[in-house]
C-alpha cells in the first residue's frame, strides 16, 4: 500500500522568504510555486533524494492552516505517504480502525489525489496519503 514518503510539509508565513535558506545555504532547487485552490494555499516542493520538502503558505485568515501558523509560528505540519491507489488505501485504513478526515480523495498539488488521516491516529502527527498523477 505505502511505497515511500512523498513529502514532509512545513507551514510558513511567506513562501518566498522560507525558500531562501533551502536554495542559498543548502543549494537545493525547487519547483515553481503553485496555488492549490482546494486548500487555498500556495505550495512549493524542494526535491531531496527520493522525497521532497513541501513549503505551504496559507492564504485565508480563518482557515485551519493559518490557525496552526498563528499557534506555532510555523513548522512541521504533516508527513505524506505515497500510495498507488488512494481509494483502496483509504478503505484499508478505515478497515483497520483509522479515522480518516478525508473519506474521499481531494485534488492536491501537481494533479495528485490526497486524503488526510485524523492527527489523533498517529500520536499527533498528521498523515496524508498521496496518489501521484498518472
Protein backbone atom coordinates (compact mmCIF):
# COMPACT_ATOMS: atom_id res chain seq x y z
CA UNK A 1 0.00 0.00 0.00
CA UNK A 2 2.66 2.60 1.03
CA UNK A 3 5.54 2.94 -1.41
CA UNK A 4 7.57 5.78 0.16
CA UNK A 5 7.48 9.11 1.94
CA UNK A 6 6.33 11.50 -0.76
CA UNK A 7 6.99 14.70 1.19
CA UNK A 8 7.27 16.37 4.56
CA UNK A 9 5.19 19.54 4.81
CA UNK A 10 6.20 22.71 6.63
CA UNK A 11 3.75 25.59 7.15
CA UNK A 12 5.33 29.01 6.51
CA UNK A 13 4.26 32.66 6.68
CA UNK A 14 5.91 33.68 3.41
CA UNK A 15 6.90 31.09 0.85
CA UNK A 16 9.47 33.24 -0.97
CA UNK A 17 11.30 34.08 2.27
CA UNK A 18 11.10 30.50 3.51
CA UNK A 19 12.72 29.23 0.29
CA UNK A 20 15.89 31.30 0.73
CA UNK A 21 17.83 29.05 3.14
CA UNK A 22 16.96 25.91 1.18
CA UNK A 23 18.20 27.44 -2.06
CA UNK A 24 21.06 29.65 -0.88
CA UNK A 25 22.50 27.74 2.08
CA UNK A 26 21.67 24.18 1.04
CA UNK A 27 21.89 24.66 -2.73
CA UNK A 28 18.60 22.88 -3.38
CA UNK A 29 16.36 23.50 -6.37
CA UNK A 30 12.60 23.87 -6.13
CA UNK A 31 9.52 23.53 -8.27
CA UNK A 32 7.52 26.56 -9.31
CA UNK A 33 5.23 27.98 -6.63
CA UNK A 34 1.73 26.62 -7.20
CA UNK A 35 -1.70 27.70 -5.99
CA UNK A 36 -3.77 24.79 -4.66
CA UNK A 37 -7.31 26.17 -4.72
CA UNK A 38 -8.87 23.17 -2.92
CA UNK A 39 -6.93 24.14 0.24
CA UNK A 40 -6.45 27.88 -0.53
CA UNK A 41 -2.67 27.66 -0.14
CA UNK A 42 0.46 28.29 -2.15
CA UNK A 43 2.97 25.44 -2.18
CA UNK A 44 6.45 24.76 -3.46
CA UNK A 45 8.32 21.46 -3.44
CA UNK A 46 12.04 21.04 -2.77
CA UNK A 47 13.27 17.64 -4.00
CA UNK A 48 15.74 15.91 -1.69
CA UNK A 49 16.75 12.50 -2.99
CA UNK A 50 13.68 10.33 -3.43
CA UNK A 51 11.41 12.58 -1.34
CA UNK A 52 10.54 16.26 -1.07
CA UNK A 53 10.07 19.07 1.40
CA UNK A 54 6.83 20.96 0.80
CA UNK A 55 6.52 24.56 1.97
CA UNK A 56 2.89 25.57 2.46
CA UNK A 57 1.68 29.17 2.79
CA UNK A 58 -1.97 29.51 3.91
CA UNK A 59 -3.80 32.33 2.12
CA UNK A 60 -7.02 32.66 4.10
CA UNK A 61 -7.19 34.25 7.54
CA UNK A 62 -9.78 31.88 9.05
CA UNK A 63 -8.56 28.51 7.83
CA UNK A 64 -7.10 25.73 10.00
CA UNK A 65 -3.61 26.05 8.47
CA UNK A 66 -3.48 29.74 9.35
CA UNK A 67 -4.59 28.88 12.88
CA UNK A 68 -1.70 26.38 13.03
CA UNK A 69 0.65 29.15 11.84
CA UNK A 70 -0.60 31.61 14.48
CA UNK A 71 -0.36 29.00 17.24
CA UNK A 72 3.08 27.62 16.37
CA UNK A 73 4.77 30.29 14.25
CA UNK A 74 5.06 27.65 11.52
CA UNK A 75 6.89 24.38 11.25
CA UNK A 76 6.38 20.69 10.60
CA UNK A 77 2.75 20.01 9.75
CA UNK A 78 2.39 16.58 8.13
CA UNK A 79 4.09 13.61 6.52
CA UNK A 80 2.76 12.46 3.16
CA UNK A 81 2.88 8.77 2.30
CA UNK A 82 2.73 7.79 -1.36
CA UNK A 83 0.21 5.16 -2.43
CA UNK A 84 -0.60 3.60 -5.79
CA UNK A 85 -4.38 3.66 -5.43
CA UNK A 86 -5.72 6.11 -2.87
CA UNK A 87 -9.35 4.97 -2.70
CA UNK A 88 -8.25 1.44 -1.76
CA UNK A 89 -5.71 2.79 0.74
CA UNK A 90 -8.42 4.86 2.46
CA UNK A 91 -10.71 1.81 2.71
CA UNK A 92 -7.86 -0.34 4.06
CA UNK A 93 -7.01 2.20 6.76
CA UNK A 94 -10.66 2.58 7.75
CA UNK A 95 -10.97 -1.22 7.92
CA UNK A 96 -8.05 -1.15 10.38
CA UNK A 97 -9.89 1.42 12.52
CA UNK A 98 -8.04 4.55 11.37
CA UNK A 99 -10.24 7.66 11.44
CA UNK A 100 -9.83 9.49 8.11
CA UNK A 101 -10.60 13.21 7.90
CA UNK A 102 -11.00 12.68 4.15
CA UNK A 103 -13.01 9.60 3.19
CA UNK A 104 -12.98 10.76 -0.43
CA UNK A 105 -9.73 11.99 -2.02
CA UNK A 106 -9.33 15.67 -2.84
CA UNK A 107 -7.23 17.34 -5.55
CA UNK A 108 -3.69 18.18 -4.43
CA UNK A 109 -0.66 19.89 -5.94
CA UNK A 110 0.72 18.59 -9.25
CA UNK A 111 -2.61 16.91 -10.12
CA UNK A 112 -2.32 14.43 -7.24
CA UNK A 113 -5.14 12.95 -5.19
CA UNK A 114 -4.78 13.40 -1.43
CA UNK A 115 -6.54 12.36 1.78
CA UNK A 116 -5.69 13.11 5.39
CA UNK A 117 -5.95 10.87 8.44
CA UNK A 118 -7.03 12.41 11.72
CA UNK A 119 -3.98 13.63 13.66
CA UNK A 120 -5.06 11.71 16.76
CA UNK A 121 -4.50 8.43 14.92
CA UNK A 122 -0.70 8.79 14.66
CA UNK A 123 0.28 10.31 18.02
CA UNK A 124 -0.41 13.89 16.97
CA UNK A 125 1.28 13.64 13.56
CA UNK A 126 -0.96 14.36 10.59
CA UNK A 127 -0.56 11.69 7.89
CA UNK A 128 -1.50 12.43 4.31
CA UNK A 129 -1.98 9.83 1.60
CA UNK A 130 -0.84 10.96 -1.85
CA UNK A 131 -1.54 9.29 -5.16
CA UNK A 132 0.69 10.86 -7.85
CA UNK A 133 -0.86 11.79 -11.18
CA UNK A 134 -0.51 9.09 -13.81
